[in-house]
Protein backbone atom coordinates (compact mmCIF):
# COMPACT_ATOMS: atom_id res chain seq x y z
CA ALA A 1 -4.71 35.71 0.07
CA GLU A 2 -1.86 35.45 3.25
CA SER A 3 -3.78 32.47 4.20
CA LYS A 4 -3.43 30.47 1.04
CA ARG A 5 -0.27 29.41 -0.49
CA THR A 6 1.22 26.83 -2.92
CA ILE A 7 2.83 23.92 -1.70
CA THR A 8 4.78 21.07 -3.31
CA VAL A 9 4.55 17.49 -1.68
CA ASN A 10 7.45 15.22 -2.50
CA LEU A 11 6.20 11.30 -1.73
CA GLY A 12 8.83 8.59 -1.41
CA ILE A 13 6.63 5.18 -1.41
CA ALA A 14 8.62 2.45 -0.90
CA MET A 15 7.91 -1.42 -1.31
CA SER A 16 9.37 -3.82 0.60
CA ARG A 17 11.38 -6.39 -0.90
CA VAL A 18 10.00 -10.16 -0.49
CA ALA A 19 12.80 -12.10 -1.49
CA GLU A 20 16.93 -11.64 -1.98
CA GLU A 21 18.12 -8.75 -4.02
CA ASP A 22 18.52 -11.00 -7.21
CA GLN A 23 15.23 -12.71 -6.76
CA VAL A 24 13.17 -9.38 -6.73
CA ALA A 25 11.37 -8.27 -10.20
CA TYR A 26 11.00 -4.24 -9.51
CA GLY A 27 8.65 -2.32 -11.49
CA ASP A 28 6.13 -5.03 -12.40
CA ALA A 29 3.14 -3.27 -10.26
CA ASN A 30 -0.15 -2.84 -12.13
CA ASP A 31 -1.50 0.37 -10.43
CA MET A 32 -0.82 3.09 -7.77
CA LYS A 33 -3.56 5.38 -6.23
CA VAL A 34 -2.52 8.30 -4.07
CA TRP A 35 -4.63 10.78 -1.94
CA LEU A 36 -4.04 13.49 0.16
CA PHE A 37 -6.39 14.41 2.87
CA ASP A 38 -6.55 17.62 5.06
CA GLN A 39 -7.08 16.94 9.00
CA THR A 40 -10.86 16.99 8.19
CA GLY A 41 -10.62 14.17 5.60
CA ARG A 42 -11.52 16.18 2.99
CA CYS A 43 -9.65 15.15 -0.39
CA VAL A 44 -7.23 17.64 -1.69
CA GLN A 45 -5.53 15.76 -4.35
CA TYR A 46 -5.66 12.43 -5.95
CA ILE A 47 -3.46 10.86 -7.93
CA PRO A 48 -3.61 7.81 -10.01
CA VAL A 49 -0.33 6.26 -11.17
CA LYS A 50 -0.54 3.57 -14.03
CA ASP A 51 1.86 0.70 -13.91
CA PRO A 52 4.69 2.64 -11.16
CA GLN A 53 8.29 1.38 -12.27
CA PHE A 54 9.59 1.64 -8.45
CA THR A 55 13.06 2.01 -10.06
CA GLY A 56 14.81 4.62 -6.95
CA ARG A 57 16.18 2.94 -3.67
CA ASP A 58 15.58 4.07 -0.35
CA ILE A 59 18.45 4.05 2.30
CA THR A 60 17.47 -0.11 3.39
CA GLY A 61 17.47 -0.80 -0.81
CA ASP A 62 13.63 -1.07 -0.60
CA PRO A 63 12.32 -0.32 -3.91
CA VAL A 64 10.39 3.26 -4.10
CA GLU A 65 8.27 5.34 -6.69
CA SER A 66 8.47 8.82 -6.51
CA VAL A 67 5.52 11.32 -6.54
CA SER A 68 5.68 15.14 -7.06
CA THR A 69 2.53 17.09 -6.64
CA GLU A 70 1.77 21.07 -6.12
CA PHE A 71 -1.47 22.57 -5.07
CA ASP A 72 -2.72 25.22 -3.04
CA VAL A 73 -3.42 24.84 0.62
CA THR A 74 -5.79 26.94 2.36
CA ASP A 75 -6.78 26.41 6.50
CA VAL A 76 -4.82 23.00 5.84
CA GLU A 77 -3.07 22.09 9.32
CA SER A 78 -1.95 18.69 8.35
CA LEU A 79 -2.05 16.00 5.33
CA GLN A 80 -3.10 12.65 5.68
CA PHE A 81 -2.20 10.42 2.77
CA ARG A 82 -3.06 7.13 1.60
CA VAL A 83 -1.90 4.70 -0.76
CA LEU A 84 -3.10 1.83 -2.27
CA LEU A 85 -1.03 -0.62 -4.90
CA ASN A 86 -2.47 -3.16 -7.53
CA THR A 87 -6.48 -2.68 -6.69
CA ASP A 88 -7.16 -2.64 -10.27
CA GLY A 89 -9.16 -6.24 -10.81
CA LEU A 90 -10.35 -6.65 -7.28
CA GLU A 91 -14.05 -6.99 -6.44
CA ASP A 92 -16.03 -6.20 -3.12
CA GLU A 93 -16.81 -8.64 -1.05
CA ASN A 94 -20.18 -8.96 -3.56
CA GLY A 95 -18.30 -9.33 -6.38
CA ASN A 96 -18.73 -6.23 -7.57
CA PRO A 97 -15.61 -4.63 -9.38
CA LEU A 98 -14.17 -2.13 -6.68
CA VAL A 99 -14.11 1.57 -7.88
CA LEU A 100 -12.04 3.82 -6.19
CA GLY A 101 -11.19 7.35 -7.19
CA GLY A 102 -11.17 10.85 -5.88
CA GLU A 103 -14.55 10.63 -4.33
CA THR A 104 -13.57 7.74 -2.07
CA THR A 105 -13.09 8.82 1.57
CA ILE A 106 -10.58 8.38 3.73
CA ASP A 107 -13.06 6.43 6.31
CA GLU A 108 -13.61 4.08 2.99
CA ILE A 109 -10.09 3.18 2.17
CA ASP A 110 -9.02 2.63 5.80
CA ASP A 111 -12.13 -0.21 5.79
CA LEU A 112 -11.63 -1.52 2.57
CA THR A 113 -11.57 -5.14 2.41
CA PHE A 114 -11.56 -6.76 -1.00
CA GLN A 115 -11.60 -10.17 -2.82
CA PHE A 116 -9.28 -11.25 -6.18
CA GLY A 117 -11.32 -11.51 -9.52
CA THR A 118 -11.23 -14.15 -12.21
CA THR A 119 -7.07 -14.21 -11.62
CA MET A 120 -4.89 -14.40 -8.62
CA PRO A 121 -1.82 -12.41 -8.86
CA ASP A 122 1.19 -14.06 -10.73
CA GLY A 123 3.60 -12.37 -8.72
CA ASP A 124 4.65 -11.21 -5.01
CA ASN A 125 4.95 -7.45 -6.30
CA LYS A 126 1.21 -7.73 -7.56
CA VAL A 127 -0.79 -8.54 -4.82
CA PRO A 128 -2.84 -5.24 -2.79
CA MET A 129 -0.83 -3.19 -0.75
CA TYR A 130 -1.37 -0.40 1.50
CA GLY A 131 0.41 2.38 2.87
CA LYS A 132 -0.31 5.71 4.82
CA GLU A 133 1.55 8.49 6.65
CA LYS A 134 0.46 11.94 8.00
CA GLU A 135 1.89 15.39 7.64
CA PRO A 136 1.69 18.36 9.69
CA ILE A 137 1.94 21.46 7.36
CA THR A 138 3.64 24.16 9.52
CA ILE A 139 2.20 27.99 9.53
CA ASP A 140 5.42 29.59 8.32
CA ASN A 141 6.75 29.91 4.75
CA LYS A 142 8.05 26.46 4.12
CA ARG A 143 7.03 25.38 0.65
CA GLU A 144 7.69 21.92 0.32
CA TYR A 145 7.18 18.26 2.01
CA SER A 146 8.82 15.23 1.68
CA VAL A 147 7.25 12.37 3.05
CA ASP A 148 8.06 8.70 3.03
CA ILE A 149 5.49 5.95 2.82
CA GLU A 150 5.91 2.72 3.35
CA LEU A 151 3.91 -0.18 1.53
CA VAL A 152 2.36 -3.16 3.43
CA ARG A 153 1.33 -6.48 1.48
CA ALA A 154 -2.21 -7.48 2.11
CA VAL A 155 -1.06 -10.99 2.52
CA GLY A 156 -0.76 -13.69 5.15
CA LYS A 157 2.54 -15.24 5.61
CA LEU A 158 2.89 -19.02 7.27
CA GLU A 159 6.01 -20.36 7.99
CA LEU A 160 6.08 -24.18 9.04
CA PHE A 161 9.17 -25.83 10.85
CA PHE A 162 9.79 -29.25 11.25
CA THR A 163 12.38 -31.20 13.32
CA ARG A 164 13.53 -34.63 13.48
CA GLU A 165 15.24 -36.37 16.59
CA ASN A 166 18.47 -37.05 15.04
CA ASN A 167 20.00 -36.84 11.49
CA ASN A 168 19.44 -40.84 11.04
CA SER A 169 15.31 -40.45 12.02
CA PRO A 170 13.22 -40.46 8.93
CA LEU A 171 10.86 -37.43 8.73
CA THR A 172 7.43 -38.02 6.81
CA ILE A 173 4.94 -35.27 6.08
CA ASN A 174 1.56 -36.93 5.57
CA SER A 175 -0.61 -33.74 5.11
CA ILE A 176 -1.05 -30.00 6.19
CA LYS A 177 -4.62 -28.18 6.43
CA LEU A 178 -5.24 -24.74 6.80
CA GLU A 179 -8.31 -23.81 8.96
CA HIS A 180 -10.40 -20.57 9.42
CA VAL A 181 -9.13 -19.16 5.61
CA PRO A 182 -10.58 -15.60 5.09
CA ASP A 183 -12.76 -15.14 2.38
CA LYS A 184 -11.85 -11.68 1.58
CA GLY A 185 -8.65 -9.54 2.18
CA TYR A 186 -8.45 -6.94 4.43
CA LEU A 187 -5.69 -3.80 3.07
CA ASN A 188 -5.85 -1.77 6.77
CA GLU A 189 -6.29 -4.14 9.44
CA ASP A 190 -4.70 -7.20 10.99
CA TYR A 191 -6.90 -10.51 10.37
CA THR A 192 -7.37 -12.96 13.19
CA PRO A 193 -9.27 -15.68 13.06
């Protein structure tokens, strides 16, 4: 039919570096889940990736995993992409395992909160990460779309700076106390205590 055509979508999913080039271990993510939704929020493609490798590099040198998919589009004006990394083993706020798949809605992904199960991640590239992007689908005969998605880590960073009066003055740190630490993680929201 005239309103139906096959397109190919090439995704470059980038994971930002967390350390110097020689200190980063690439390809140690646990799992990746990719959703493609149309403009109404209907899931048109779900792609689970076990043990993504992130062996490519983008223009800034960040590691990239490439995912390509081909499917028929009918009355699709735009695609909305959601990517979750390292969600296997996470629990919801009630302690139940997170179950994410092809039936998961775009709102459920965007509102997702989590807590770690019995073990904490053993590396910076194994913390949960989230990415999203939107791509208009043109009505011409364009058959291939390339989309870049940057993943954001679901972690908080804390930097402490201490100064001394001069080079000869002593500096003693007796204690550091953190308050208002959240009891659950957020993937798509900024957390402000």
